[in-house]
Amino acid sequence: MTTPRLITPEHATGIVYHLSHTDLDGYGAQFMLKAAGVNTRCFNADYRDIPLAVDAIVEEILAANEPAALLLTDLNLTLDQADQIDKRIKKLKVPTSLQLLDHHATGAEVAAKYGWYYLDTERCATKLAFESVADRFDDARRAQYALRADFVDMGDRWLKDEPMFRKTLYLLGLVMQDDHLAPPLSGVKRDYRFHLIEAFFTRHERGENLETIERALYDTRKAFLRDRIEEAEVENPDIPLNDKFHILSARLLDDTTVPMLTIDGVRTGIFYSWPHEVWRGVIMDMMETRKVMDMAISVRGNGKLSLRANPGVDAGAISAKYFKGGGHPGAAGGELKDNRLRDLSHAVSSIEYTLNPNPKPAVATAKLGDLFNLKAATQNKK
């Protein structure tokens, strides 16, 4: 089968909004378009989050108000999802092209209904994406990226009889492992994965074995931090590498990611569904170094809370007063009445309702509390 060429907006300066999966194949498809120099805005989502991601993309297309293209890769749509996306794009007042490149056999019903859904079960999304833009590479880079696409294909389609299969699984795991960056920083997390993929392929193409590549991983990760945080912090031997990624996160967070509430006069940051170690590391920098808040609350989807506070604030007393919990002044636990929280705004509104009960229940669409801005770290000049 011949892969269709990548769709393009009506105007040459238009943007290709690229929504892809959150595994190696999903990022790999975006990696290929980036290497080909396509003007893209990237988004990533699990299957269940596809409608929310499409909503975000449509908002950006409407805000830009210029012809665009929506590309989906490595996402197996249900018929209902496909129907909704097709209707939304057709109703847009901004001219928008639509294309999906997929390799999951379960997408056959949708592919049969919609011409924009291209399905090929013999090639992974990374390979399909590469072939859709192959004519944009010169001969040498086309040959190089064709081999890279084949490598991803080997692992994604589980071709375990191939001699390099175990090596492909290492790259897959490398991309999927926790990066210790704050969850809301999706763009930085994607750049980090591109950094890992490029570094892996560079070493692989030099003939290095897995042990050598794995030994070099520390330096590969550290290299990503350069020009993103201060050089003195990058080279500080007393700061663990993961904590350096926490420092980067704390400096990039802005008013769209960490809402602030005042609880009994204490400025408190609210964090929803973060990995505990990442949350712990980020709030240390925000509370102790930058002093942008004096208490932090981590909220789980089940309503469970973890509280941390600076000296002079009694997190245990606050939790006992409002959240049916308790603990130490600096660290405490608690819970909310709501135990099926859907998102950050729902968590914030649930906390606000707990602090100030009123007839209106907490809802996911409630407005956030006061917000703050953090400036990104100054870039080092070399």
Protein backbone atom coordinates (compact mmCIF):
# COMPACT_ATOMS: atom_id res chain seq x y z
CA MET A 1 0.00 0.00 0.00
CA THR A 2 1.11 3.57 -0.67
CA THR A 3 1.02 5.99 2.24
CA PRO A 4 -0.82 9.23 1.39
CA ARG A 5 1.18 12.42 1.53
CA LEU A 6 0.78 14.55 4.62
CA ILE A 7 -2.19 16.88 4.45
CA THR A 8 -1.33 20.55 4.37
CA PRO A 9 -3.34 23.69 5.16
CA GLU A 10 -4.70 25.75 2.29
CA HIS A 11 -2.06 28.40 2.97
CA ALA A 12 1.62 27.44 3.01
CA THR A 13 2.10 29.25 6.34
CA GLY A 14 -0.71 27.31 8.02
CA ILE A 15 -0.11 25.00 10.95
CA VAL A 16 -0.50 21.22 11.08
CA TYR A 17 -2.02 20.44 14.48
CA HIS A 18 -0.67 16.99 15.26
CA LEU A 19 -2.45 14.86 17.87
CA SER A 20 -0.73 11.57 18.65
CA HIS A 21 -0.56 8.80 21.22
CA THR A 22 1.60 8.88 24.38
CA ASP A 23 3.93 5.94 23.65
CA LEU A 24 7.06 5.60 21.52
CA ASP A 25 5.06 5.21 18.31
CA GLY A 26 2.97 8.28 19.09
CA TYR A 27 5.96 10.47 19.86
CA GLY A 28 7.89 8.81 17.05
CA ALA A 29 5.34 10.01 14.49
CA GLN A 30 5.76 13.57 15.75
CA PHE A 31 9.54 13.13 15.78
CA MET A 32 9.42 12.32 12.06
CA LEU A 33 7.41 15.41 11.13
CA LYS A 34 9.69 17.59 13.23
CA ALA A 35 12.75 16.18 11.48
CA ALA A 36 11.12 16.91 8.12
CA GLY A 37 10.64 20.56 9.08
CA VAL A 38 6.83 20.51 9.09
CA ASN A 39 5.22 23.51 10.81
CA THR A 40 3.43 21.63 13.59
CA ARG A 41 1.75 22.20 16.96
CA CYS A 42 1.94 18.92 18.83
CA PHE A 43 -0.52 17.40 21.28
CA ASN A 44 -0.57 13.95 22.89
CA ALA A 45 -3.41 11.97 24.41
CA ASP A 46 -4.47 8.53 25.55
CA TYR A 47 -7.50 7.09 23.79
CA ARG A 48 -9.90 8.22 26.54
CA ASP A 49 -8.62 11.81 26.34
CA ILE A 50 -9.02 12.22 22.56
CA PRO A 51 -12.22 14.35 22.78
CA LEU A 52 -10.62 16.76 25.28
CA ALA A 53 -7.50 17.07 23.14
CA VAL A 54 -9.54 17.76 20.01
CA ASP A 55 -11.48 20.42 21.91
CA ALA A 56 -8.20 22.13 22.84
CA ILE A 57 -6.96 21.97 19.25
CA VAL A 58 -10.20 23.39 17.84
CA GLU A 59 -9.96 26.30 20.28
CA GLU A 60 -6.44 27.06 19.03
CA ILE A 61 -7.51 26.83 15.39
CA LEU A 62 -10.38 29.25 16.02
CA ALA A 63 -8.09 31.63 17.92
CA ALA A 64 -5.52 31.63 15.12
CA ASN A 65 -8.27 32.08 12.52
CA GLU A 66 -6.20 30.83 9.59
CA PRO A 67 -6.43 27.69 7.42
CA ALA A 68 -5.12 24.67 9.30
CA ALA A 69 -4.77 20.92 9.18
CA LEU A 70 -5.56 18.39 11.89
CA LEU A 71 -3.44 15.24 11.78
CA LEU A 72 -4.04 12.30 14.12
CA THR A 73 -1.56 9.43 14.38
CA ASP A 74 -1.49 6.17 16.32
CA LEU A 75 -4.99 6.80 17.69
CA ASN A 76 -7.61 4.13 17.14
CA LEU A 77 -10.88 6.07 17.10
CA THR A 78 -14.24 4.58 17.95
CA LEU A 79 -16.98 5.21 15.41
CA ASP A 80 -18.63 7.66 17.79
CA GLN A 81 -15.37 9.60 18.26
CA ALA A 82 -14.80 9.70 14.50
CA ASP A 83 -18.36 10.94 13.88
CA GLN A 84 -17.91 13.75 16.41
CA ILE A 85 -14.54 14.83 15.01
CA ASP A 86 -15.81 14.75 11.43
CA LYS A 87 -18.78 16.95 12.35
CA ARG A 88 -16.66 19.40 14.32
CA ILE A 89 -14.15 19.91 11.53
CA LYS A 90 -16.85 20.30 8.87
CA LYS A 91 -18.64 22.94 10.98
CA LEU A 92 -15.50 25.00 11.64
CA LYS A 93 -15.62 28.43 10.05
CA VAL A 94 -11.85 28.17 9.59
CA PRO A 95 -10.90 25.90 6.64
CA THR A 96 -9.34 22.79 8.22
CA SER A 97 -8.12 19.60 6.55
CA LEU A 98 -8.35 16.28 8.43
CA GLN A 99 -6.23 13.13 8.26
CA LEU A 100 -5.58 10.08 10.46
CA LEU A 101 -2.68 7.65 10.00
CA ASP A 102 -3.23 4.47 11.99
CA HIS A 103 -2.24 0.79 12.09
CA HIS A 104 -4.69 -0.76 14.56
CA ALA A 105 -6.91 -3.42 12.95
CA THR A 106 -9.80 -2.42 15.20
CA GLY A 107 -10.06 0.82 13.26
CA ALA A 108 -11.32 -0.97 10.13
CA GLU A 109 -14.96 0.06 10.59
CA VAL A 110 -14.08 3.75 10.90
CA ALA A 111 -11.60 3.58 8.00
CA ALA A 112 -14.32 2.10 5.81
CA LYS A 113 -16.63 5.02 6.58
CA TYR A 114 -14.23 7.97 6.36
CA GLY A 115 -11.76 8.70 3.60
CA TRP A 116 -9.60 10.78 5.96
CA TYR A 117 -8.92 7.68 8.12
CA TYR A 118 -5.97 5.87 6.53
CA LEU A 119 -5.39 2.38 7.95
CA ASP A 120 -2.45 0.07 7.28
CA THR A 121 -1.88 -2.73 9.79
CA GLU A 122 1.55 -3.58 8.33
CA ARG A 123 3.26 -0.32 9.29
CA CYS A 124 3.30 1.52 12.63
CA ALA A 125 2.32 5.17 12.90
CA THR A 126 5.94 6.34 13.01
CA LYS A 127 6.61 4.62 9.70
CA LEU A 128 3.41 5.96 8.17
CA ALA A 129 4.26 9.48 9.32
CA PHE A 130 7.78 9.20 7.89
CA GLU A 131 6.51 7.97 4.54
CA SER A 132 3.96 10.79 4.38
CA VAL A 133 6.82 13.34 4.46
CA ALA A 134 9.68 11.31 2.98
CA ASP A 135 9.93 13.60 -0.03
CA ARG A 136 10.92 16.48 2.27
CA PHE A 137 14.25 14.82 3.20
CA ASP A 138 17.41 14.84 1.12
CA ASP A 139 18.67 11.40 0.03
CA ALA A 140 21.02 10.82 2.97
CA ARG A 141 18.56 11.86 5.68
CA ARG A 142 15.73 9.98 3.96
CA ALA A 143 17.73 6.78 4.19
CA GLN A 144 18.65 7.50 7.82
CA TYR A 145 15.09 8.22 8.95
CA ALA A 146 13.69 5.28 7.01
CA LEU A 147 15.89 3.01 9.15
CA ARG A 148 14.79 4.84 12.30
CA ALA A 149 11.14 4.34 11.36
CA ASP A 150 11.77 0.64 10.74
CA PHE A 151 13.40 0.38 14.16
CA VAL A 152 10.33 1.82 15.92
CA ASP A 153 8.09 -0.40 13.79
CA MET A 154 9.96 -3.47 15.02
CA GLY A 155 9.10 -2.80 18.64
CA ASP A 156 5.64 -1.29 18.25
CA ARG A 157 4.32 -4.21 16.18
CA TRP A 158 6.15 -6.68 18.46
CA LEU A 159 8.33 -8.28 15.77
CA LYS A 160 10.18 -10.32 18.38
CA ASP A 161 12.03 -12.52 15.89
CA GLU A 162 14.01 -9.51 14.66
CA PRO A 163 17.64 -9.48 15.94
CA MET A 164 17.38 -5.98 17.44
CA PHE A 165 13.99 -6.51 19.09
CA ARG A 166 15.35 -6.21 22.64
CA LYS A 167 17.05 -2.94 21.71
CA THR A 168 13.76 -1.53 20.42
CA LEU A 169 12.09 -2.44 23.71
CA TYR A 170 14.75 -0.49 25.58
CA LEU A 171 13.94 2.64 23.58
CA LEU A 172 10.23 2.06 24.13
CA GLY A 173 10.76 1.84 27.89
CA LEU A 174 13.04 4.87 27.85
CA VAL A 175 10.32 7.02 26.31
CA MET A 176 7.62 5.70 28.63
CA GLN A 177 9.46 6.01 31.95
CA ASP A 178 8.82 8.83 34.42
CA ASP A 179 10.74 11.93 33.34
CA HIS A 180 10.37 13.77 36.70
CA LEU A 181 8.93 16.80 34.93
CA ALA A 182 5.67 18.34 36.13
CA PRO A 183 2.64 16.73 34.40
CA PRO A 184 1.22 20.03 33.05
CA LEU A 185 4.44 20.76 31.11
CA SER A 186 3.42 18.64 28.13
CA GLY A 187 5.53 20.60 25.64
CA VAL A 188 8.71 20.27 27.71
CA LYS A 189 8.00 16.59 28.34
CA ARG A 190 7.65 16.06 24.58
CA ASP A 191 10.91 17.92 23.88
CA TYR A 192 12.60 15.72 26.47
CA ARG A 193 11.36 12.58 24.73
CA PHE A 194 12.56 13.87 21.38
CA HIS A 195 15.93 14.51 23.05
CA LEU A 196 16.07 10.90 24.32
CA ILE A 197 15.04 9.46 20.95
CA GLU A 198 17.66 11.47 19.05
CA ALA A 199 20.41 10.63 21.56
CA PHE A 200 19.52 6.93 21.41
CA PHE A 201 19.56 6.80 17.62
CA THR A 202 22.84 8.73 17.45
CA ARG A 203 24.53 6.12 19.66
CA HIS A 204 22.75 3.20 18.01
CA GLU A 205 23.90 4.36 14.58
CA ARG A 206 27.47 4.49 15.88
CA GLY A 207 27.15 0.82 16.68
CA GLU A 208 27.03 1.14 20.47
CA ASN A 209 25.50 -1.74 22.41
CA LEU A 210 22.77 -1.45 25.03
CA GLU A 211 25.14 -1.49 27.99
CA THR A 212 27.08 1.46 26.59
CA ILE A 213 23.89 3.37 25.79
CA GLU A 214 22.49 2.69 29.24
CA ARG A 215 25.69 3.83 30.96
CA ALA A 216 25.48 7.10 29.01
CA LEU A 217 21.86 7.75 30.00
CA TYR A 218 22.79 9.94 32.99
CA ASP A 219 24.78 12.30 30.75
CA THR A 220 22.01 12.23 28.14
CA ARG A 221 19.43 13.30 30.69
CA LYS A 222 21.73 15.92 32.18
CA ALA A 223 22.40 17.41 28.75
CA PHE A 224 18.70 18.23 28.39
CA LEU A 225 18.93 20.60 31.37
CA ARG A 226 21.65 22.78 29.89
CA ASP A 227 20.43 26.26 28.97
CA ARG A 228 17.17 25.43 30.76
CA ILE A 229 18.34 25.96 34.36
CA GLU A 230 21.40 27.74 35.69
CA GLU A 231 24.73 26.09 34.86
CA ALA A 232 25.71 26.05 38.54
CA GLU A 233 22.61 23.98 39.27
CA VAL A 234 23.24 21.62 36.37
CA GLU A 235 26.76 20.90 37.67
CA ASN A 236 25.99 20.88 41.41
CA PRO A 237 27.09 17.40 42.57
CA ASP A 238 24.96 17.64 45.72
CA ILE A 239 21.67 17.93 43.82
CA PRO A 240 20.30 14.59 42.49
CA LEU A 241 19.55 14.60 38.79
CA ASN A 242 15.82 14.08 39.30
CA ASP A 243 15.73 17.11 41.61
CA LYS A 244 17.31 19.18 38.84
CA PHE A 245 14.32 18.26 36.66
CA HIS A 246 12.08 19.37 39.54
CA ILE A 247 13.90 22.71 39.59
CA LEU A 248 13.25 23.10 35.87
CA SER A 249 9.57 22.31 36.39
CA ALA A 250 9.19 24.83 39.21
CA ARG A 251 10.63 27.59 37.03
CA LEU A 252 8.32 26.90 34.11
CA LEU A 253 5.01 26.60 35.93
CA ASP A 254 2.62 29.49 35.33
CA ASP A 255 -0.88 30.62 36.20
CA THR A 256 -2.48 27.96 34.02
CA THR A 257 -1.00 25.09 36.00
CA VAL A 258 -0.93 25.89 39.74
CA PRO A 259 -4.01 27.63 41.18
CA MET A 260 -3.52 29.33 44.53
CA LEU A 261 -6.01 29.44 47.40
CA THR A 262 -5.75 31.25 50.73
CA ILE A 263 -6.58 28.92 53.62
CA ASP A 264 -6.69 30.60 57.03
CA GLY A 265 -4.33 33.26 55.70
CA VAL A 266 -1.92 30.68 54.24
CA ARG A 267 -1.12 30.94 50.52
CA THR A 268 -1.62 27.39 49.24
CA GLY A 269 -0.85 25.80 45.87
CA ILE A 270 -3.18 23.06 44.59
CA PHE A 271 -1.77 20.17 42.56
CA TYR A 272 -3.94 17.49 40.98
CA SER A 273 -2.88 13.90 40.34
CA TRP A 274 0.90 14.40 40.22
CA PRO A 275 3.41 11.58 40.83
CA HIS A 276 4.35 11.96 44.50
CA GLU A 277 8.12 12.27 43.98
CA VAL A 278 7.68 14.93 41.29
CA TRP A 279 5.23 16.88 43.47
CA ARG A 280 7.58 16.66 46.47
CA GLY A 281 10.56 17.90 44.48
CA VAL A 282 8.73 20.73 42.72
CA ILE A 283 7.09 22.15 45.84
CA MET A 284 10.43 22.15 47.69
CA ASP A 285 11.75 24.61 45.13
CA MET A 286 8.54 26.65 45.01
CA MET A 287 8.10 26.84 48.78
CA GLU A 288 11.64 27.02 50.12
CA THR A 289 13.62 28.69 47.34
CA ARG A 290 11.15 30.95 45.57
CA LYS A 291 8.69 31.29 48.46
CA VAL A 292 5.70 31.65 46.13
CA MET A 293 3.53 29.72 48.60
CA ASP A 294 3.66 28.48 52.20
CA MET A 295 1.61 25.31 51.82
CA ALA A 296 0.98 22.78 49.05
CA ILE A 297 -1.88 20.30 48.69
CA SER A 298 -1.67 17.26 46.43
CA VAL A 299 -5.11 15.99 45.43
CA ARG A 300 -5.86 12.51 44.07
CA GLY A 301 -8.84 11.62 41.93
CA ASN A 302 -10.31 9.73 44.89
CA GLY A 303 -10.26 12.86 47.04
CA LYS A 304 -7.26 11.88 49.17
CA LEU A 305 -4.97 14.79 50.14
CA SER A 306 -1.32 15.24 51.06
CA LEU A 307 -0.31 18.55 52.64
CA ARG A 308 3.17 20.05 53.07
CA ALA A 309 3.92 23.36 54.80
CA ASN A 310 6.77 25.76 55.49
CA PRO A 311 7.88 26.46 59.08
CA GLY A 312 5.33 28.59 60.89
CA VAL A 313 2.37 26.88 59.23
CA ASP A 314 0.60 23.91 60.85
CA ALA A 315 -0.58 21.65 58.02
CA GLY A 316 -1.81 19.06 60.52
CA ALA A 317 -4.11 21.55 62.27
CA ILE A 318 -5.46 22.88 58.97
CA SER A 319 -6.16 19.35 57.74
CA ALA A 320 -7.89 18.43 60.99
CA LYS A 321 -10.03 21.58 60.78
CA TYR A 322 -11.15 21.21 57.14
CA PHE A 323 -10.20 17.87 55.65
CA LYS A 324 -10.95 15.20 58.28
CA GLY A 325 -7.24 14.50 58.64
CA GLY A 326 -4.17 15.51 60.58
CA GLY A 327 -0.49 14.88 61.02
CA HIS A 328 2.61 16.92 61.67
CA PRO A 329 2.91 20.71 61.27
CA GLY A 330 5.06 20.25 58.18
CA ALA A 331 3.32 17.21 56.67
CA ALA A 332 -0.24 15.94 56.94
CA GLY A 333 -2.94 13.98 55.17
CA GLY A 334 -6.67 14.38 54.68
CA GLU A 335 -9.56 13.83 52.34
CA LEU A 336 -12.38 15.60 50.54
CA LYS A 337 -16.01 14.60 50.54
CA ASP A 338 -15.85 14.31 46.74
CA ASN A 339 -14.12 11.04 45.84
CA ARG A 340 -14.59 11.11 42.09
CA LEU A 341 -12.74 14.21 41.02
CA ARG A 342 -12.40 14.72 37.28
CA ASP A 343 -9.77 17.39 36.85
CA LEU A 344 -7.85 20.25 38.47
CA SER A 345 -10.72 22.73 38.41
CA HIS A 346 -13.03 20.17 40.00
CA ALA A 347 -10.44 19.58 42.76
CA VAL A 348 -10.11 23.32 43.42
CA SER A 349 -13.86 23.91 43.53
CA SER A 350 -14.24 20.94 45.89
CA ILE A 351 -11.66 22.43 48.26
CA GLU A 352 -13.32 25.85 48.03
CA TYR A 353 -16.68 24.28 48.88
CA THR A 354 -15.12 22.50 51.87
CA LEU A 355 -13.67 25.78 53.15
CA ASN A 356 -16.85 27.78 52.54
CA PRO A 357 -19.92 25.50 52.30
CA ASN A 358 -22.79 26.88 50.27
CA PRO A 359 -25.83 25.45 48.49
CA LYS A 360 -23.91 25.00 45.23
CA PRO A 361 -21.92 21.74 44.93
CA ALA A 362 -18.41 21.59 43.49
CA VAL A 363 -18.34 21.16 39.72
CA ALA A 364 -15.58 20.59 37.17
CA THR A 365 -16.33 23.86 35.40
CA ALA A 366 -15.87 26.06 38.47
CA LYS A 367 -13.45 28.95 38.18
CA LEU A 368 -10.05 28.61 39.79
CA GLY A 369 -8.95 30.73 42.71
CA ASP A 370 -6.31 33.45 42.56
CA LEU A 371 -3.46 32.52 40.25
CA PHE A 372 0.18 33.49 40.06
CA ASN A 373 2.85 33.70 37.40
CA LEU A 374 6.36 32.24 37.52
CA LYS A 375 8.99 33.42 35.07
CA ALA A 376 11.04 30.82 33.23
CA ALA A 377 14.71 30.55 34.13
CA THR A 378 17.01 32.96 32.34
CA GLN A 379 18.71 31.21 29.46
CA ASN A 380 22.45 30.89 29.78
CA LYS A 381 24.39 32.36 26.91
CA LYS A 382 27.34 30.41 25.53
